[in-house]
């Protein structure tokens, strides 16, 4: 399993949102550059970065800062505002290793496939944030305000046929809440799509949560608030799962 620390950026600051709400954000004093360097010192080789300003405005806004994170010598997967082929090209040119594609994967299939064709499916992380509706995991769009008319499994089937290998899935109700991940969601995802590299995020509190996800076959976990506010030994965790 890959342990991936997350850095969410808002106006150059490191923040965490609760359930994606911009009016429920916590600002942390650490700089993104210092955090990236610290995570690398802990042994992390990957970093998940979200440009929250870009996500809100529809165009990536903090590319210069994200580019500077390469000083930590980590594999960067980044998203937030990648809603045009030009933005995707700019991100790749800036050294971002994997593009995280969110709502447009639901709302603009033509554009999403154009980005996949340009970047290569292996360099795309499809980010699908869901709400459970009538016992179906429904991807949310438009800032999590509305739901897709197709469930997660239908969307995954379509994109797997397009060569997508990695999907980051979050239960919105768990995001930033520090109450545990949605284990049932990932269990179903792996059972239905065992060939996909599933990334889990949202609600992960401690190593017991990570262990439960690892045992069911989750490929990677994204750690956010727990690294800021918990008493989490990132170094020991990275070492443990690097050897698995």
C-alpha atoms as a PDB file:
ATOM      1  CA  UNK A   1       0.000   0.000   0.000  1.00  0.00           C
ATOM      2  CA  UNK A   2       1.162   3.536  -0.788  1.00  0.00           C
ATOM      3  CA  UNK A   3       0.869   6.193   1.922  1.00  0.00           C
ATOM      4  CA  UNK A   4       0.172   9.588   0.312  1.00  0.00           C
ATOM      5  CA  UNK A   5       0.153  12.765   2.427  1.00  0.00           C
ATOM      6  CA  UNK A   6      -2.199  15.463   1.163  1.00  0.00           C
ATOM      7  CA  UNK A   7      -1.698  19.201   0.934  1.00  0.00           C
ATOM      8  CA  UNK A   8      -4.741  21.356   0.171  1.00  0.00           C
ATOM      9  CA  UNK A   9      -3.861  24.880  -0.934  1.00  0.00           C
ATOM     10  CA  UNK A  10      -5.980  28.000  -0.561  1.00  0.00           C
ATOM     11  CA  UNK A  11      -4.419  31.377  -1.320  1.00  0.00           C
ATOM     12  CA  UNK A  12      -0.994  29.854  -0.768  1.00  0.00           C
ATOM     13  CA  UNK A  13      -1.871  28.469   2.654  1.00  0.00           C
ATOM     14  CA  UNK A  14      -2.298  24.879   3.793  1.00  0.00           C
ATOM     15  CA  UNK A  15      -5.900  24.255   4.810  1.00  0.00           C
ATOM     16  CA  UNK A  16      -8.360  21.426   5.377  1.00  0.00           C
ATOM     17  CA  UNK A  17     -12.061  21.584   4.626  1.00  0.00           C
ATOM     18  CA  UNK A  18     -14.867  19.684   6.278  1.00  0.00           C
ATOM     19  CA  UNK A  19     -17.026  17.840   3.744  1.00  0.00           C
ATOM     20  CA  UNK A  20     -15.699  20.132   1.028  1.00  0.00           C
ATOM     21  CA  UNK A  21     -17.277  23.279   2.493  1.00  0.00           C
ATOM     22  CA  UNK A  22     -15.180  26.400   1.926  1.00  0.00           C
ATOM     23  CA  UNK A  23     -16.835  28.083   4.920  1.00  0.00           C
ATOM     24  CA  UNK A  24     -15.648  25.232   7.153  1.00  0.00           C
ATOM     25  CA  UNK A  25     -11.899  25.460   6.620  1.00  0.00           C
ATOM     26  CA  UNK A  26      -9.029  25.236   9.053  1.00  0.00           C
ATOM     27  CA  UNK A  27      -5.817  27.082   8.205  1.00  0.00           C
ATOM     28  CA  UNK A  28      -2.534  25.560   9.354  1.00  0.00           C
ATOM     29  CA  UNK A  29       0.655  27.551   9.957  1.00  0.00           C
ATOM     30  CA  UNK A  30       3.038  25.249   8.070  1.00  0.00           C
ATOM     31  CA  UNK A  31       4.094  26.252   4.578  1.00  0.00           C
ATOM     32  CA  UNK A  32       3.455  23.861   1.726  1.00  0.00           C
ATOM     33  CA  UNK A  33       7.180  23.722   0.948  1.00  0.00           C
ATOM     34  CA  UNK A  34       8.070  22.857   4.542  1.00  0.00           C
ATOM     35  CA  UNK A  35       5.336  20.244   4.754  1.00  0.00           C
ATOM     36  CA  UNK A  36       6.380  18.576   1.515  1.00  0.00           C
ATOM     37  CA  UNK A  37       9.975  18.438   2.737  1.00  0.00           C
ATOM     38  CA  UNK A  38       8.893  17.015   6.078  1.00  0.00           C
ATOM     39  CA  UNK A  39       6.766  14.318   4.465  1.00  0.00           C
ATOM     40  CA  UNK A  40       9.685  13.360   2.252  1.00  0.00           C
ATOM     41  CA  UNK A  41      11.955  13.131   5.319  1.00  0.00           C
ATOM     42  CA  UNK A  42       9.379  10.756   6.807  1.00  0.00           C
ATOM     43  CA  UNK A  43       9.880   8.520   3.800  1.00  0.00           C
ATOM     44  CA  UNK A  44       6.817   9.415   1.722  1.00  0.00           C
ATOM     45  CA  UNK A  45       7.511   9.251  -2.010  1.00  0.00           C
ATOM     46  CA  UNK A  46       4.118  10.532  -3.155  1.00  0.00           C
ATOM     47  CA  UNK A  47       2.160  13.722  -2.492  1.00  0.00           C
ATOM     48  CA  UNK A  48      -1.470  14.561  -3.216  1.00  0.00           C
ATOM     49  CA  UNK A  49      -2.046  18.276  -3.854  1.00  0.00           C
ATOM     50  CA  UNK A  50      -5.360  20.050  -4.343  1.00  0.00           C
ATOM     51  CA  UNK A  51      -5.615  23.644  -5.578  1.00  0.00           C
ATOM     52  CA  UNK A  52      -8.811  24.675  -3.805  1.00  0.00           C
ATOM     53  CA  UNK A  53      -8.812  28.093  -5.455  1.00  0.00           C
ATOM     54  CA  UNK A  54      -8.582  26.373  -8.809  1.00  0.00           C
ATOM     55  CA  UNK A  55     -11.401  24.014  -7.905  1.00  0.00           C
ATOM     56  CA  UNK A  56     -13.580  26.975  -7.001  1.00  0.00           C
ATOM     57  CA  UNK A  57     -12.685  29.147  -9.994  1.00  0.00           C
ATOM     58  CA  UNK A  58     -12.500  26.431 -12.620  1.00  0.00           C
ATOM     59  CA  UNK A  59      -8.890  27.119 -13.583  1.00  0.00           C
ATOM     60  CA  UNK A  60      -5.771  25.990 -11.754  1.00  0.00           C
ATOM     61  CA  UNK A  61      -4.433  28.985  -9.808  1.00  0.00           C
ATOM     62  CA  UNK A  62      -1.405  27.890  -7.774  1.00  0.00           C
ATOM     63  CA  UNK A  63       0.704  26.104 -10.350  1.00  0.00           C
ATOM     64  CA  UNK A  64       3.891  27.994  -9.432  1.00  0.00           C
ATOM     65  CA  UNK A  65       3.635  26.868  -5.814  1.00  0.00           C
ATOM     66  CA  UNK A  66       2.802  23.313  -6.817  1.00  0.00           C
ATOM     67  CA  UNK A  67       5.812  23.304  -9.133  1.00  0.00           C
ATOM     68  CA  UNK A  68       8.040  24.324  -6.217  1.00  0.00           C
ATOM     69  CA  UNK A  69       6.958  21.211  -4.305  1.00  0.00           C
ATOM     70  CA  UNK A  70       9.146  19.209  -6.660  1.00  0.00           C
ATOM     71  CA  UNK A  71      12.065  20.266  -4.475  1.00  0.00           C
ATOM     72  CA  UNK A  72      10.901  17.520  -2.112  1.00  0.00           C
ATOM     73  CA  UNK A  73      11.570  14.956  -4.859  1.00  0.00           C
ATOM     74  CA  UNK A  74       8.187  13.255  -4.601  1.00  0.00           C
ATOM     75  CA  UNK A  75       5.750  11.932  -7.167  1.00  0.00           C
ATOM     76  CA  UNK A  76       3.108  14.641  -7.423  1.00  0.00           C
ATOM     77  CA  UNK A  77      -0.527  13.919  -8.147  1.00  0.00           C
ATOM     78  CA  UNK A  78      -2.415  17.172  -8.281  1.00  0.00           C
ATOM     79  CA  UNK A  79      -5.813  18.539  -9.176  1.00  0.00           C
ATOM     80  CA  UNK A  80      -8.248  21.359  -8.640  1.00  0.00           C
ATOM     81  CA  UNK A  81      -9.273  23.389 -11.669  1.00  0.00           C
ATOM     82  CA  UNK A  82      -7.992  21.063 -14.391  1.00  0.00           C
ATOM     83  CA  UNK A  83     -10.992  21.688 -16.603  1.00  0.00           C
ATOM     84  CA  UNK A  84      -9.397  22.288 -19.974  1.00  0.00           C
ATOM     85  CA  UNK A  85      -6.831  20.589 -22.151  1.00  0.00           C
ATOM     86  CA  UNK A  86      -4.661  23.699 -21.813  1.00  0.00           C
ATOM     87  CA  UNK A  87      -4.653  23.382 -18.007  1.00  0.00           C
ATOM     88  CA  UNK A  88      -3.751  19.711 -18.276  1.00  0.00           C
ATOM     89  CA  UNK A  89      -0.858  20.538 -20.599  1.00  0.00           C
ATOM     90  CA  UNK A  90       0.352  23.304 -18.252  1.00  0.00           C
ATOM     91  CA  UNK A  91       0.287  20.933 -15.282  1.00  0.00           C
ATOM     92  CA  UNK A  92       2.278  18.278 -17.092  1.00  0.00           C
ATOM     93  CA  UNK A  93       4.762  20.895 -18.297  1.00  0.00           C
ATOM     94  CA  UNK A  94       5.157  22.038 -14.682  1.00  0.00           C
ATOM     95  CA  UNK A  95       6.259  18.542 -13.712  1.00  0.00           C
ATOM     96  CA  UNK A  96       3.067  17.183 -12.164  1.00  0.00           C
ATOM     97  CA  UNK A  97       3.313  13.433 -12.563  1.00  0.00           C
ATOM     98  CA  UNK A  98      -0.350  12.492 -12.372  1.00  0.00           C
ATOM     99  CA  UNK A  99      -3.374  14.663 -13.127  1.00  0.00           C
ATOM    100  CA  UNK A 100      -6.325  14.351 -10.758  1.00  0.00           C
ATOM    101  CA  UNK A 101      -9.516  14.740 -12.775  1.00  0.00           C
ATOM    102  CA  UNK A 102     -12.775  15.288 -10.918  1.00  0.00           C
ATOM    103  CA  UNK A 103     -16.168  16.660 -11.948  1.00  0.00           C
ATOM    104  CA  UNK A 104     -15.440  16.923 -15.657  1.00  0.00           C
ATOM    105  CA  UNK A 105     -15.182  13.135 -15.746  1.00  0.00           C
ATOM    106  CA  UNK A 106     -18.942  13.221 -15.191  1.00  0.00           C
ATOM    107  CA  UNK A 107     -19.968  16.454 -16.919  1.00  0.00           C
ATOM    108  CA  UNK A 108     -17.667  16.580 -19.959  1.00  0.00           C
ATOM    109  CA  UNK A 109     -16.777  13.166 -21.309  1.00  0.00           C
ATOM    110  CA  UNK A 110     -15.293  14.521 -24.536  1.00  0.00           C
ATOM    111  CA  UNK A 111     -12.845  16.776 -22.721  1.00  0.00           C
ATOM    112  CA  UNK A 112     -11.937  14.079 -20.216  1.00  0.00           C
ATOM    113  CA  UNK A 113     -11.108  11.635 -22.988  1.00  0.00           C
ATOM    114  CA  UNK A 114      -9.043  14.315 -24.738  1.00  0.00           C
ATOM    115  CA  UNK A 115      -7.005  14.771 -21.543  1.00  0.00           C
ATOM    116  CA  UNK A 116      -6.632  11.006 -21.155  1.00  0.00           C
ATOM    117  CA  UNK A 117      -5.424  10.710 -24.743  1.00  0.00           C
ATOM    118  CA  UNK A 118      -2.917  13.524 -24.293  1.00  0.00           C
ATOM    119  CA  UNK A 119      -1.560  12.593 -20.868  1.00  0.00           C
ATOM    120  CA  UNK A 120      -1.894   8.824 -21.096  1.00  0.00           C
ATOM    121  CA  UNK A 121      -4.382   6.877 -19.002  1.00  0.00           C
ATOM    122  CA  UNK A 122      -1.594   5.728 -16.672  1.00  0.00           C
ATOM    123  CA  UNK A 123      -0.986   9.370 -15.713  1.00  0.00           C
ATOM    124  CA  UNK A 124      -4.588  10.107 -14.729  1.00  0.00           C
ATOM    125  CA  UNK A 125      -6.154   9.728 -11.279  1.00  0.00           C
ATOM    126  CA  UNK A 126      -9.912   9.793 -11.592  1.00  0.00           C
ATOM    127  CA  UNK A 127     -11.349  11.462  -8.464  1.00  0.00           C
ATOM    128  CA  UNK A 128     -14.942  10.463  -7.769  1.00  0.00           C
ATOM    129  CA  UNK A 129     -16.597  11.863  -4.642  1.00  0.00           C
ATOM    130  CA  UNK A 130     -19.842  10.111  -3.732  1.00  0.00           C
ATOM    131  CA  UNK A 131     -22.973  10.305  -1.650  1.00  0.00           C
ATOM    132  CA  UNK A 132     -24.992   7.187  -0.849  1.00  0.00           C
ATOM    133  CA  UNK A 133     -28.477   7.591  -2.313  1.00  0.00           C
ATOM    134  CA  UNK A 134     -30.922   4.692  -2.091  1.00  0.00           C
ATOM    135  CA  UNK A 135     -27.966   2.401  -1.327  1.00  0.00           C
ATOM    136  CA  UNK A 136     -26.175   3.453  -4.514  1.00  0.00           C
ATOM    137  CA  UNK A 137     -22.885   5.417  -4.486  1.00  0.00           C
ATOM    138  CA  UNK A 138     -23.680   8.467  -6.601  1.00  0.00           C
ATOM    139  CA  UNK A 139     -20.823  10.759  -7.735  1.00  0.00           C
ATOM    140  CA  UNK A 140     -21.401  14.390  -6.777  1.00  0.00           C
ATOM    141  CA  UNK A 141     -20.701  17.325  -9.084  1.00  0.00           C
ATOM    142  CA  UNK A 142     -20.936  21.119  -9.078  1.00  0.00           C
ATOM    143  CA  UNK A 143     -19.141  21.553  -5.763  1.00  0.00           C
ATOM    144  CA  UNK A 144     -20.850  18.484  -4.316  1.00  0.00           C
ATOM    145  CA  UNK A 145     -24.221  20.209  -4.638  1.00  0.00           C
ATOM    146  CA  UNK A 146     -25.797  17.813  -7.139  1.00  0.00           C
ATOM    147  CA  UNK A 147     -25.457  14.145  -7.977  1.00  0.00           C
ATOM    148  CA  UNK A 148     -24.765  12.400 -11.245  1.00  0.00           C
ATOM    149  CA  UNK A 149     -27.543  10.366 -12.836  1.00  0.00           C
ATOM    150  CA  UNK A 150     -25.118   7.424 -13.116  1.00  0.00           C
ATOM    151  CA  UNK A 151     -23.754   5.583 -10.120  1.00  0.00           C
ATOM    152  CA  UNK A 152     -20.091   5.009  -9.309  1.00  0.00           C
ATOM    153  CA  UNK A 153     -20.068   1.530 -10.799  1.00  0.00           C
ATOM    154  CA  UNK A 154     -21.400   2.701 -14.158  1.00  0.00           C
ATOM    155  CA  UNK A 155     -18.833   5.496 -14.343  1.00  0.00           C
ATOM    156  CA  UNK A 156     -16.004   3.132 -13.403  1.00  0.00           C
ATOM    157  CA  UNK A 157     -17.048   0.639 -16.073  1.00  0.00           C
ATOM    158  CA  UNK A 158     -16.896   3.310 -18.764  1.00  0.00           C
ATOM    159  CA  UNK A 159     -13.497   4.656 -17.742  1.00  0.00           C
ATOM    160  CA  UNK A 160     -11.935   1.271 -17.178  1.00  0.00           C
ATOM    161  CA  UNK A 161     -12.675   0.589 -20.834  1.00  0.00           C
ATOM    162  CA  UNK A 162     -10.727   3.787 -21.602  1.00  0.00           C
ATOM    163  CA  UNK A 163      -7.658   2.448 -19.813  1.00  0.00           C
ATOM    164  CA  UNK A 164      -7.990   4.275 -16.491  1.00  0.00           C
ATOM    165  CA  UNK A 165      -5.966   2.408 -13.870  1.00  0.00           C
ATOM    166  CA  UNK A 166      -6.307   4.570 -10.745  1.00  0.00           C
ATOM    167  CA  UNK A 167      -9.444   5.884  -9.061  1.00  0.00           C
ATOM    168  CA  UNK A 168      -9.520   8.022  -5.924  1.00  0.00           C
ATOM    169  CA  UNK A 169     -12.884   7.665  -4.224  1.00  0.00           C
ATOM    170  CA  UNK A 170     -14.195   9.635  -1.247  1.00  0.00           C
ATOM    171  CA  UNK A 171     -17.439   9.384   0.660  1.00  0.00           C
ATOM    172  CA  UNK A 172     -18.294  13.063   1.123  1.00  0.00           C
ATOM    173  CA  UNK A 173     -19.904  12.405   4.506  1.00  0.00           C
ATOM    174  CA  UNK A 174     -16.536  11.183   5.818  1.00  0.00           C
ATOM    175  CA  UNK A 175     -14.336  13.915   4.358  1.00  0.00           C
ATOM    176  CA  UNK A 176     -12.422  15.851   7.000  1.00  0.00           C
ATOM    177  CA  UNK A 177     -14.538  14.426   9.812  1.00  0.00           C
ATOM    178  CA  UNK A 178     -11.929  12.137  11.455  1.00  0.00           C
ATOM    179  CA  UNK A 179     -14.579   9.493  12.149  1.00  0.00           C
ATOM    180  CA  UNK A 180     -13.219   6.669  10.039  1.00  0.00           C
ATOM    181  CA  UNK A 181     -13.337   5.805   6.324  1.00  0.00           C
ATOM    182  CA  UNK A 182     -16.247   4.197   4.515  1.00  0.00           C
ATOM    183  CA  UNK A 183     -14.940   0.630   4.542  1.00  0.00           C
ATOM    184  CA  UNK A 184     -18.048  -0.767   2.877  1.00  0.00           C
ATOM    185  CA  UNK A 185     -17.536   1.548  -0.098  1.00  0.00           C
ATOM    186  CA  UNK A 186     -13.999   0.329  -0.735  1.00  0.00           C
ATOM    187  CA  UNK A 187     -14.936  -3.303  -0.150  1.00  0.00           C
ATOM    188  CA  UNK A 188     -17.584  -3.082  -2.851  1.00  0.00           C
ATOM    189  CA  UNK A 189     -15.266  -1.148  -5.164  1.00  0.00           C
ATOM    190  CA  UNK A 190     -12.516  -3.760  -4.957  1.00  0.00           C
ATOM    191  CA  UNK A 191     -14.935  -6.650  -5.357  1.00  0.00           C
ATOM    192  CA  UNK A 192     -16.447  -5.086  -8.478  1.00  0.00           C
ATOM    193  CA  UNK A 193     -13.241  -3.706  -9.998  1.00  0.00           C
ATOM    194  CA  UNK A 194     -10.238  -5.655  -8.665  1.00  0.00           C
ATOM    195  CA  UNK A 195      -7.998  -4.478 -11.517  1.00  0.00           C
ATOM    196  CA  UNK A 196      -8.353  -0.813 -10.528  1.00  0.00           C
ATOM    197  CA  UNK A 197      -5.790   0.762  -8.181  1.00  0.00           C
ATOM    198  CA  UNK A 198      -8.191   2.213  -5.614  1.00  0.00           C
ATOM    199  CA  UNK A 199      -7.107   5.191  -3.522  1.00  0.00           C
ATOM    200  CA  UNK A 200      -9.023   5.834  -0.297  1.00  0.00           C
ATOM    201  CA  UNK A 201      -9.529   9.190   1.370  1.00  0.00           C
ATOM    202  CA  UNK A 202     -11.867  10.757   3.868  1.00  0.00           C
ATOM    203  CA  UNK A 203     -12.095  10.165   7.598  1.00  0.00           C
ATOM    204  CA  UNK A 204      -8.900   8.127   8.044  1.00  0.00           C
ATOM    205  CA  UNK A 205      -7.903   8.594  11.692  1.00  0.00           C
ATOM    206  CA  UNK A 206      -5.088   6.231  12.566  1.00  0.00           C
ATOM    207  CA  UNK A 207      -3.139   3.160  11.589  1.00  0.00           C
ATOM    208  CA  UNK A 208      -6.018   0.828  12.467  1.00  0.00           C
ATOM    209  CA  UNK A 209      -8.058   2.442   9.691  1.00  0.00           C
ATOM    210  CA  UNK A 210      -5.127   2.082   7.305  1.00  0.00           C
ATOM    211  CA  UNK A 211      -4.647  -1.543   8.289  1.00  0.00           C
ATOM    212  CA  UNK A 212      -8.307  -2.294   7.580  1.00  0.00           C
ATOM    213  CA  UNK A 213      -8.030  -0.685   4.146  1.00  0.00           C
ATOM    214  CA  UNK A 214      -4.797  -2.537   3.403  1.00  0.00           C
ATOM    215  CA  UNK A 215      -6.290  -5.885   4.336  1.00  0.00           C
ATOM    216  CA  UNK A 216      -9.111  -5.464   1.838  1.00  0.00           C
ATOM    217  CA  UNK A 217      -6.674  -4.529  -0.936  1.00  0.00           C
ATOM    218  CA  UNK A 218      -6.830  -0.743  -1.209  1.00  0.00           C
ATOM    219  CA  UNK A 219      -3.846   0.406  -3.279  1.00  0.00           C
ATOM    220  CA  UNK A 220      -3.178   3.766  -1.572  1.00  0.00           C
ATOM    221  CA  UNK A 221      -4.510   6.006   1.193  1.00  0.00           C
ATOM    222  CA  UNK A 222      -4.610   9.795   1.209  1.00  0.00           C
ATOM    223  CA  UNK A 223      -3.873  11.300   4.630  1.00  0.00           C
ATOM    224  CA  UNK A 224      -4.884  14.865   5.366  1.00  0.00           C
ATOM    225  CA  UNK A 225      -6.263  16.159   8.655  1.00  0.00           C
ATOM    226  CA  UNK A 226      -4.861  13.251  10.671  1.00  0.00           C
ATOM    227  CA  UNK A 227      -1.326  14.399   9.832  1.00  0.00           C
ATOM    228  CA  UNK A 228      -2.075  17.919  11.075  1.00  0.00           C
ATOM    229  CA  UNK A 229      -4.109  17.150  14.166  1.00  0.00           C
ATOM    230  CA  UNK A 230      -3.471  13.560  15.157  1.00  0.00           C
ATOM    231  CA  UNK A 231      -0.530  11.932  16.893  1.00  0.00           C
ATOM    232  CA  UNK A 232       0.336   9.941  13.831  1.00  0.00           C
ATOM    233  CA  UNK A 233       3.737   8.365  13.238  1.00  0.00           C
ATOM    234  CA  UNK A 234       4.065   8.860   9.494  1.00  0.00           C
ATOM    235  CA  UNK A 235       7.610   7.512   9.339  1.00  0.00           C
ATOM    236  CA  UNK A 236       6.682   4.205  10.967  1.00  0.00           C
ATOM    237  CA  UNK A 237       3.573   3.880   8.819  1.00  0.00           C
ATOM    238  CA  UNK A 238       5.434   4.490   5.558  1.00  0.00           C
ATOM    239  CA  UNK A 239       8.106   1.975   6.536  1.00  0.00           C
ATOM    240  CA  UNK A 240       5.558  -0.661   7.493  1.00  0.00           C
ATOM    241  CA  UNK A 241       3.617  -0.533   4.255  1.00  0.00           C
ATOM    242  CA  UNK A 242       6.640  -0.019   2.020  1.00  0.00           C
ATOM    243  CA  UNK A 243       7.758  -3.475   3.074  1.00  0.00           C
ATOM    244  CA  UNK A 244       4.394  -5.137   2.376  1.00  0.00           C
END
